[in-house]
Amino acid sequence: MKTITLKKNEDHRISNGHLWAFSNEIAEIKGELQSGDIVELSNHQNKFLGIGIYNPNSLIAVRLLSHQKEEIDFQFFKKRIEMAYSLRQKIYRETDVYRLVHGEGDSLPGLIIDRFNNYFSIQTFSVGMDKRLTLICDVLDSLFKPKGIVERNEAPIRLIEGLEQKKGIIRGAIEPVTISEYGIKYTIDLLDGQKTGFFLDQRENRKAFQRYVKGADVLDCFCNEGGFTLHAGYAGAKSVLGIDISESVIQRAKNNAKLNNLDKIVSFHTGDAFTYLDQAVKDKKQFDVVNLDPPSFAKSKKTIRKAKRGYKEIHTNAIKILKPGGILATASCSYNITEETFLDIINESARELGRHTSLLEWRGAAPDHPVLIAMPETKYLKFGIFFVE
């Protein structure tokens, strides 16, 4: 077995359960290694730490798959995916729509698999997983006999790994899929929808949002295909307006509103949410509830300062158009924006306007997106619901 040895004192994080070894932590490499090869990882005293996948072109040089010596083959992936499936059956036993594999949270770093009834959508973020994509599909075929499998590998992070960005059908055939989420139906496009086809991580937060909207005028910014918008309409909101910059996304949201007979209550506008909020302030518009669910503003530490300015702007304007006693629901999916920073931004935005905020609920991603406690990087989504006086 080819071996990578870490420098002295560089094994503590791995020993505590972290699954990444970085290139600057490596002391020695034994054997001719190619990108995507399986390697044994050991500390400076040659103590075995685990087996992982090597990538010489990435800062994350080794992603650990196992802390035991075992073959990384069909049976290995079958065992891991069966374990992940067993957990999802406990969490969501009434549905076949969930994240089946959530990377490090399911001890399969670099791999995402979402299930949408009889269809699967895959993302591979590492060379090692990408090279084993056929093997992974073989496992899915053996366990689930899916009608179709797609890959949604357009994420920029693949470029860092030395991988091309691509998407397409891998197995079978794909057609529009209708899924159900707590009474709401969505027809989703697995090839052209956001990320893997639909944002499953906000599922429980959309349900929680329902309790605050009855009889309210609601604004949903960055509404995507209508997730929070439709939940508000379903829960008895007086009116709901969803804003998103993508025309194709808005069209799918309108179709979903009709699918749920909510098109008389909810409406959608194609436009930039920043611009809309700014104009709404100038027009002195008022809402009972405002929801903010923007894309990641801080995909790296270099962009944190700019991201903080973006969060500050949208929260300040959102609070300006909230009626006294209104509800602000807001999310950040940027790992690089900490919980403390995010809360500080919200508090500062309110305080500068002479408004007071009370935190009602503080939530994360749905439980089919498990967090590996030893890896703070896996706890990315923050969602809060606030009462604004």
Protein backbone atom coordinates (compact mmCIF):
# COMPACT_ATOMS: atom_id res chain seq x y z
CA MET A 1 0.00 0.00 0.00
CA LYS A 2 1.25 3.48 -0.86
CA THR A 3 1.75 5.59 2.26
CA ILE A 4 1.72 9.24 3.23
CA THR A 5 3.35 10.26 6.50
CA LEU A 6 2.41 13.45 8.28
CA LYS A 7 4.82 15.84 9.95
CA LYS A 8 5.25 15.80 13.71
CA ASN A 9 2.24 17.23 15.60
CA GLU A 10 0.12 17.37 12.45
CA ASP A 11 -2.01 14.35 13.32
CA HIS A 12 -4.07 15.79 16.19
CA ARG A 13 -6.95 16.98 14.03
CA ILE A 14 -7.12 13.63 12.17
CA SER A 15 -6.96 11.70 15.45
CA ASN A 16 -9.89 13.74 16.73
CA GLY A 17 -12.06 12.74 13.78
CA HIS A 18 -11.35 15.27 11.05
CA LEU A 19 -11.23 13.68 7.57
CA TRP A 20 -8.84 15.99 5.71
CA ALA A 21 -5.07 16.06 5.59
CA PHE A 22 -3.59 19.14 3.95
CA SER A 23 -0.65 19.23 1.57
CA ASN A 24 1.49 21.38 3.91
CA GLU A 25 1.12 18.76 6.67
CA ILE A 26 2.83 15.99 4.65
CA ALA A 27 6.35 14.91 5.59
CA GLU A 28 6.89 11.96 3.24
CA ILE A 29 5.24 10.06 0.40
CA LYS A 30 6.17 6.41 -0.22
CA GLY A 31 5.34 4.92 -3.60
CA GLU A 32 4.40 6.36 -6.97
CA LEU A 33 1.10 8.14 -6.41
CA GLN A 34 -1.37 9.31 -9.03
CA SER A 35 -4.28 11.65 -8.47
CA GLY A 36 -7.21 9.67 -7.07
CA ASP A 37 -5.11 6.80 -5.69
CA ILE A 38 -5.91 5.10 -2.39
CA VAL A 39 -3.27 5.71 0.28
CA GLU A 40 -2.58 4.83 3.88
CA LEU A 41 -2.08 7.82 6.16
CA SER A 42 0.22 7.61 9.17
CA ASN A 43 1.68 10.00 11.73
CA HIS A 44 5.37 10.82 12.13
CA GLN A 45 5.82 7.70 14.30
CA ASN A 46 4.31 5.52 11.52
CA LYS A 47 1.11 4.95 13.49
CA PHE A 48 -1.75 4.10 11.10
CA LEU A 49 -4.39 6.86 10.94
CA GLY A 50 -6.60 5.70 8.10
CA ILE A 51 -7.14 5.08 4.39
CA GLY A 52 -7.99 7.89 2.03
CA ILE A 53 -7.92 9.27 -1.49
CA TYR A 54 -4.93 11.33 -2.64
CA ASN A 55 -4.94 14.47 -4.77
CA PRO A 56 -1.57 16.19 -5.38
CA ASN A 57 -3.28 19.16 -7.03
CA SER A 58 -5.41 20.20 -4.07
CA LEU A 59 -4.71 21.83 -0.71
CA ILE A 60 -6.78 18.94 0.69
CA ALA A 61 -4.23 16.29 -0.20
CA VAL A 62 -5.95 13.32 1.46
CA ARG A 63 -9.65 12.77 2.20
CA LEU A 64 -10.03 9.92 4.66
CA LEU A 65 -12.56 7.20 3.88
CA SER A 66 -11.88 4.81 6.72
CA HIS A 67 -9.96 4.56 9.97
CA GLN A 68 -9.50 0.83 9.32
CA LYS A 69 -7.45 -1.08 6.79
CA GLU A 70 -9.98 -2.21 4.19
CA GLU A 71 -10.49 -2.42 0.44
CA ILE A 72 -12.16 0.61 -1.14
CA ASP A 73 -14.29 -1.35 -3.58
CA PHE A 74 -17.92 -2.06 -4.49
CA GLN A 75 -18.65 -3.65 -1.11
CA PHE A 76 -17.16 -0.69 0.73
CA PHE A 77 -19.42 1.81 -1.05
CA LYS A 78 -22.41 -0.51 -0.76
CA LYS A 79 -21.93 -0.78 3.00
CA ARG A 80 -21.57 2.99 3.44
CA ILE A 81 -24.55 3.85 1.24
CA GLU A 82 -26.71 1.20 2.94
CA MET A 83 -25.83 2.76 6.30
CA ALA A 84 -26.75 6.22 5.00
CA TYR A 85 -30.01 4.84 3.59
CA SER A 86 -30.90 3.23 6.91
CA LEU A 87 -30.50 6.59 8.63
CA ARG A 88 -32.72 8.36 6.07
CA GLN A 89 -35.41 5.77 6.57
CA LYS A 90 -35.46 6.73 10.25
CA ILE A 91 -35.54 10.46 9.47
CA TYR A 92 -37.95 10.50 6.52
CA ARG A 93 -39.72 7.16 6.47
CA GLU A 94 -42.78 8.63 4.68
CA THR A 95 -40.92 9.93 1.63
CA ASP A 96 -38.31 8.98 -0.97
CA VAL A 97 -37.06 12.55 -1.28
CA TYR A 98 -33.95 13.29 0.77
CA ARG A 99 -30.20 13.69 0.70
CA LEU A 100 -28.96 10.12 0.69
CA VAL A 101 -25.25 10.88 1.09
CA HIS A 102 -23.92 14.11 2.59
CA GLY A 103 -20.18 13.89 2.08
CA GLU A 104 -18.14 13.93 5.27
CA GLY A 105 -21.31 13.67 7.37
CA ASP A 106 -21.77 10.16 5.97
CA SER A 107 -18.04 9.33 5.94
CA LEU A 108 -17.90 9.65 2.15
CA PRO A 109 -15.99 12.92 1.70
CA GLY A 110 -16.38 14.56 -1.68
CA LEU A 111 -19.65 12.81 -2.52
CA ILE A 112 -23.23 14.14 -2.53
CA ILE A 113 -26.23 12.03 -3.56
CA ASP A 114 -29.78 13.39 -3.51
CA ARG A 115 -32.78 11.14 -4.05
CA PHE A 116 -35.92 12.40 -5.76
CA ASN A 117 -38.32 9.43 -5.77
CA ASN A 118 -36.92 7.04 -8.41
CA TYR A 119 -34.19 9.41 -9.60
CA PHE A 120 -30.78 10.24 -8.17
CA SER A 121 -28.62 13.33 -8.55
CA ILE A 122 -24.90 13.08 -7.82
CA GLN A 123 -22.14 15.60 -7.16
CA THR A 124 -18.48 14.56 -6.87
CA PHE A 125 -16.18 17.21 -5.39
CA SER A 126 -12.93 15.23 -5.35
CA VAL A 127 -10.83 13.45 -7.95
CA GLY A 128 -11.11 10.20 -6.05
CA MET A 129 -14.91 10.19 -6.00
CA ASP A 130 -15.08 11.38 -9.60
CA LYS A 131 -12.91 8.46 -10.74
CA ARG A 132 -15.24 6.08 -8.88
CA LEU A 133 -18.45 7.54 -10.25
CA THR A 134 -19.24 4.44 -12.31
CA LEU A 135 -18.71 2.25 -9.24
CA ILE A 136 -21.01 4.48 -7.18
CA CYS A 137 -23.70 4.28 -9.87
CA ASP A 138 -23.33 0.49 -9.88
CA VAL A 139 -24.07 0.50 -6.14
CA LEU A 140 -27.14 2.71 -6.63
CA ASP A 141 -28.37 0.41 -9.39
CA SER A 142 -27.97 -2.64 -7.17
CA LEU A 143 -29.73 -1.08 -4.17
CA PHE A 144 -32.49 1.04 -5.70
CA LYS A 145 -32.96 0.18 -9.41
CA PRO A 146 -33.43 3.88 -10.24
CA LYS A 147 -35.12 5.12 -13.40
CA GLY A 148 -32.34 7.61 -13.93
CA ILE A 149 -29.13 9.06 -12.46
CA VAL A 150 -27.75 12.49 -13.29
CA GLU A 151 -24.51 14.21 -12.38
CA ARG A 152 -24.62 17.90 -11.42
CA ASN A 153 -20.94 18.68 -11.41
CA GLU A 154 -20.95 22.37 -12.30
CA ALA A 155 -19.54 23.54 -8.92
CA PRO A 156 -16.44 25.79 -9.21
CA ILE A 157 -14.76 23.79 -6.42
CA ARG A 158 -14.15 21.06 -9.00
CA LEU A 159 -11.74 23.36 -10.82
CA ILE A 160 -9.62 23.55 -7.66
CA GLU A 161 -9.52 19.74 -7.64
CA GLY A 162 -8.39 19.72 -11.29
CA LEU A 163 -11.78 18.50 -12.51
CA GLU A 164 -13.91 19.85 -15.33
CA GLN A 165 -17.38 21.26 -14.74
CA LYS A 166 -20.12 19.20 -16.35
CA LYS A 167 -23.64 17.88 -16.02
CA GLY A 168 -25.72 15.24 -17.75
CA ILE A 169 -27.54 11.93 -17.58
CA ILE A 170 -25.32 9.07 -16.43
CA ARG A 171 -27.81 6.20 -16.32
CA GLY A 172 -31.35 5.65 -17.58
CA ALA A 173 -33.57 8.54 -18.59
CA ILE A 174 -34.76 11.73 -16.88
CA GLU A 175 -38.14 13.43 -16.94
CA PRO A 176 -39.66 16.24 -14.84
CA VAL A 177 -40.11 14.94 -11.30
CA THR A 178 -42.91 15.97 -8.94
CA ILE A 179 -42.02 15.78 -5.27
CA SER A 180 -44.02 16.54 -2.12
CA GLU A 181 -42.85 18.39 0.99
CA TYR A 182 -45.21 18.81 3.93
CA GLY A 183 -48.24 19.28 1.71
CA ILE A 184 -46.50 21.33 -0.99
CA LYS A 185 -45.84 19.86 -4.43
CA TYR A 186 -42.92 20.90 -6.63
CA THR A 187 -42.13 19.87 -10.17
CA ILE A 188 -38.36 20.02 -10.40
CA ASP A 189 -35.82 19.87 -13.20
CA LEU A 190 -32.93 17.61 -12.24
CA LEU A 191 -30.69 18.90 -15.03
CA ASP A 192 -31.42 22.62 -14.89
CA GLY A 193 -32.65 23.19 -11.34
CA GLN A 194 -30.36 24.71 -8.72
CA LYS A 195 -27.52 22.56 -7.32
CA THR A 196 -28.75 18.95 -7.51
CA GLY A 197 -32.22 19.97 -8.64
CA PHE A 198 -33.76 21.31 -5.42
CA PHE A 199 -32.58 22.73 -2.09
CA LEU A 200 -33.38 19.97 0.39
CA ASP A 201 -31.37 21.47 3.26
CA GLN A 202 -34.05 24.09 4.03
CA ARG A 203 -36.91 21.56 4.23
CA GLU A 204 -37.46 21.76 8.02
CA ASN A 205 -36.92 25.53 8.04
CA ARG A 206 -39.63 26.01 5.42
CA LYS A 207 -41.99 24.03 7.63
CA ALA A 208 -41.07 26.11 10.70
CA PHE A 209 -41.65 29.29 8.68
CA GLN A 210 -45.31 28.36 8.24
CA ARG A 211 -46.27 29.17 11.83
CA TYR A 212 -45.46 32.88 11.43
CA VAL A 213 -47.30 33.80 8.23
CA LYS A 214 -51.06 33.33 8.71
CA GLY A 215 -52.87 36.47 7.53
CA ALA A 216 -49.57 38.20 6.74
CA ASP A 217 -48.21 40.09 3.75
CA VAL A 218 -45.00 38.20 3.03
CA LEU A 219 -41.90 39.01 0.97
CA ASP A 220 -39.58 36.15 0.03
CA CYS A 221 -36.24 37.31 -1.40
CA PHE A 222 -34.03 34.93 -3.37
CA CYS A 223 -37.09 32.70 -3.61
CA ASN A 224 -35.65 30.15 -6.04
CA GLU A 225 -38.40 27.79 -7.22
CA GLY A 226 -40.84 28.98 -4.58
CA GLY A 227 -39.86 27.04 -1.47
CA PHE A 228 -40.64 29.53 1.31
CA THR A 229 -43.10 31.42 -0.90
CA LEU A 230 -45.37 28.42 -1.41
CA HIS A 231 -45.14 27.36 2.23
CA ALA A 232 -46.32 30.83 3.24
CA GLY A 233 -49.25 30.68 0.83
CA TYR A 234 -50.13 27.15 1.97
CA ALA A 235 -50.07 28.25 5.64
CA GLY A 236 -52.62 31.03 5.12
CA ALA A 237 -50.66 34.16 4.28
CA LYS A 238 -52.75 37.04 2.98
CA SER A 239 -50.32 37.68 0.10
CA VAL A 240 -46.83 36.46 -0.83
CA LEU A 241 -44.33 37.94 -3.25
CA GLY A 242 -41.29 35.93 -4.33
CA ILE A 243 -38.24 37.61 -5.88
CA ASP A 244 -35.45 35.90 -7.83
CA ILE A 245 -33.03 37.06 -10.50
CA SER A 246 -33.43 33.97 -12.71
CA GLU A 247 -36.25 34.03 -15.25
CA SER A 248 -36.20 30.23 -15.63
CA VAL A 249 -36.38 29.78 -11.85
CA ILE A 250 -39.31 32.20 -11.61
CA GLN A 251 -41.15 30.36 -14.36
CA ARG A 252 -40.76 27.07 -12.48
CA ALA A 253 -41.95 28.82 -9.30
CA LYS A 254 -45.07 30.08 -11.10
CA ASN A 255 -45.75 26.57 -12.38
CA ASN A 256 -45.38 25.23 -8.83
CA ALA A 257 -47.84 27.85 -7.56
CA LYS A 258 -50.41 26.66 -10.10
CA LEU A 259 -49.67 23.04 -9.20
CA ASN A 260 -50.67 23.84 -5.61
CA ASN A 261 -53.63 26.13 -6.51
CA LEU A 262 -51.82 29.03 -4.84
CA ASP A 263 -51.44 31.32 -7.85
CA LYS A 264 -54.19 33.62 -6.54
CA ILE A 265 -52.28 34.17 -3.27
CA VAL A 266 -48.63 34.14 -4.33
CA SER A 267 -46.95 36.10 -7.10
CA PHE A 268 -43.41 36.27 -8.42
CA HIS A 269 -41.12 38.94 -9.78
CA THR A 270 -37.94 38.44 -11.79
CA GLY A 271 -35.29 40.80 -10.52
CA ASP A 272 -32.27 41.37 -8.32
CA ALA A 273 -33.26 41.13 -4.64
CA PHE A 274 -30.80 43.87 -3.65
CA THR A 275 -32.37 46.24 -6.18
CA TYR A 276 -35.91 45.28 -5.18
CA LEU A 277 -35.25 45.84 -1.47
CA ASP A 278 -33.65 49.21 -2.14
CA GLN A 279 -36.61 50.32 -4.25
CA ALA A 280 -39.11 48.96 -1.72
CA VAL A 281 -37.53 51.21 0.92
CA LYS A 282 -37.82 54.23 -1.38
CA ASP A 283 -41.44 53.34 -2.16
CA LYS A 284 -42.18 52.94 1.58
CA LYS A 285 -43.55 49.43 1.09
CA GLN A 286 -44.38 47.47 4.24
CA PHE A 287 -44.56 43.73 4.94
CA ASP A 288 -45.49 41.67 7.97
CA VAL A 289 -42.91 38.99 7.19
CA VAL A 290 -39.68 39.13 5.18
CA ASN A 291 -37.61 36.06 4.32
CA LEU A 292 -34.00 36.25 3.07
CA ASP A 293 -32.42 33.11 1.64
CA PRO A 294 -29.48 34.32 -0.48
CA PRO A 295 -26.82 32.20 -2.17
CA SER A 296 -23.42 31.93 -0.52
CA PHE A 297 -21.80 35.36 -0.32
CA ALA A 298 -18.52 34.05 1.14
CA LYS A 299 -17.19 31.02 -0.67
CA SER A 300 -13.67 31.69 0.64
CA LYS A 301 -12.03 33.66 3.44
CA LYS A 302 -10.93 36.25 0.88
CA THR A 303 -14.55 37.25 0.25
CA ILE A 304 -15.68 37.56 3.89
CA ARG A 305 -15.44 41.35 4.02
CA LYS A 306 -17.49 41.78 0.84
CA ALA A 307 -20.00 39.18 2.04
CA LYS A 308 -20.51 41.01 5.33
CA ARG A 309 -21.32 44.20 3.42
CA GLY A 310 -23.86 42.27 1.33
CA TYR A 311 -25.54 40.75 4.39
CA LYS A 312 -25.60 44.14 6.11
CA GLU A 313 -27.28 45.79 3.12
CA ILE A 314 -30.07 43.25 2.68
CA HIS A 315 -30.80 43.00 6.41
CA THR A 316 -30.91 46.76 6.86
CA ASN A 317 -33.35 47.18 3.98
CA ALA A 318 -35.42 44.16 5.04
CA ILE A 319 -35.86 45.62 8.53
CA LYS A 320 -36.74 49.03 7.07
CA ILE A 321 -39.73 47.52 5.24
CA LEU A 322 -40.86 45.35 8.15
CA LYS A 323 -43.90 46.60 10.05
CA PRO A 324 -43.47 46.98 13.83
CA GLY A 325 -43.99 43.55 15.34
CA GLY A 326 -42.93 41.91 12.10
CA ILE A 327 -41.07 38.67 11.48
CA LEU A 328 -37.65 38.44 9.84
CA ALA A 329 -36.56 35.00 8.67
CA THR A 330 -33.03 34.87 7.32
CA ALA A 331 -30.39 32.36 6.26
CA SER A 332 -26.70 32.15 5.49
CA CYS A 333 -25.26 29.13 3.72
CA SER A 334 -21.71 30.53 3.91
CA TYR A 335 -19.52 28.44 6.22
CA ASN A 336 -17.03 31.32 6.32
CA ILE A 337 -19.66 33.56 7.95
CA THR A 338 -19.82 32.29 11.52
CA GLU A 339 -22.97 32.16 13.62
CA GLU A 340 -21.60 34.97 15.81
CA THR A 341 -20.82 37.15 12.80
CA PHE A 342 -24.22 36.54 11.22
CA LEU A 343 -26.07 37.39 14.44
CA ASP A 344 -23.93 40.50 14.90
CA ILE A 345 -24.85 41.71 11.41
CA ILE A 346 -28.57 41.25 12.07
CA ASN A 347 -28.36 42.95 15.47
CA GLU A 348 -26.31 45.85 14.12
CA SER A 349 -28.69 46.37 11.21
CA ALA A 350 -31.65 46.60 13.59
CA ARG A 351 -29.88 48.69 16.22
CA GLU A 352 -28.80 51.34 13.71
CA LEU A 353 -32.44 51.71 12.70
CA GLY A 354 -33.61 52.01 16.30
CA ARG A 355 -35.35 48.62 16.09
CA HIS A 356 -35.12 45.79 18.60
CA THR A 357 -34.88 42.12 17.60
CA SER A 358 -35.64 38.97 19.55
CA LEU A 359 -34.47 35.57 18.35
CA LEU A 360 -37.35 33.08 18.20
CA GLU A 361 -35.73 30.13 16.47
CA TRP A 362 -32.17 29.27 15.48
CA ARG A 363 -31.85 26.33 13.11
CA GLY A 364 -29.48 24.56 10.73
CA ALA A 365 -29.81 22.17 7.83
CA ALA A 366 -32.33 19.32 7.74
CA PRO A 367 -31.20 16.12 9.52
CA ASP A 368 -30.48 14.34 6.24
CA HIS A 369 -27.50 16.74 6.06
CA PRO A 370 -25.61 15.38 9.09
CA VAL A 371 -22.82 17.43 10.64
CA LEU A 372 -19.54 15.71 11.50
CA ILE A 373 -18.78 17.18 14.92
CA ALA A 374 -15.02 17.01 14.37
CA MET A 375 -15.36 19.05 11.16
CA PRO A 376 -16.80 22.55 11.65
CA GLU A 377 -16.70 22.88 7.85
CA THR A 378 -19.72 20.56 7.61
CA LYS A 379 -21.92 22.92 9.66
CA TYR A 380 -22.62 25.53 7.03
CA LEU A 381 -26.32 26.54 7.11
CA LYS A 382 -27.61 29.06 9.62
CA PHE A 383 -31.31 29.99 9.73
CA GLY A 384 -32.92 32.34 12.21
CA ILE A 385 -36.44 33.64 12.80
CA PHE A 386 -36.63 37.00 14.58
CA PHE A 387 -39.34 39.19 16.07
CA VAL A 388 -38.65 42.81 15.14
CA GLU A 389 -40.27 45.52 17.26
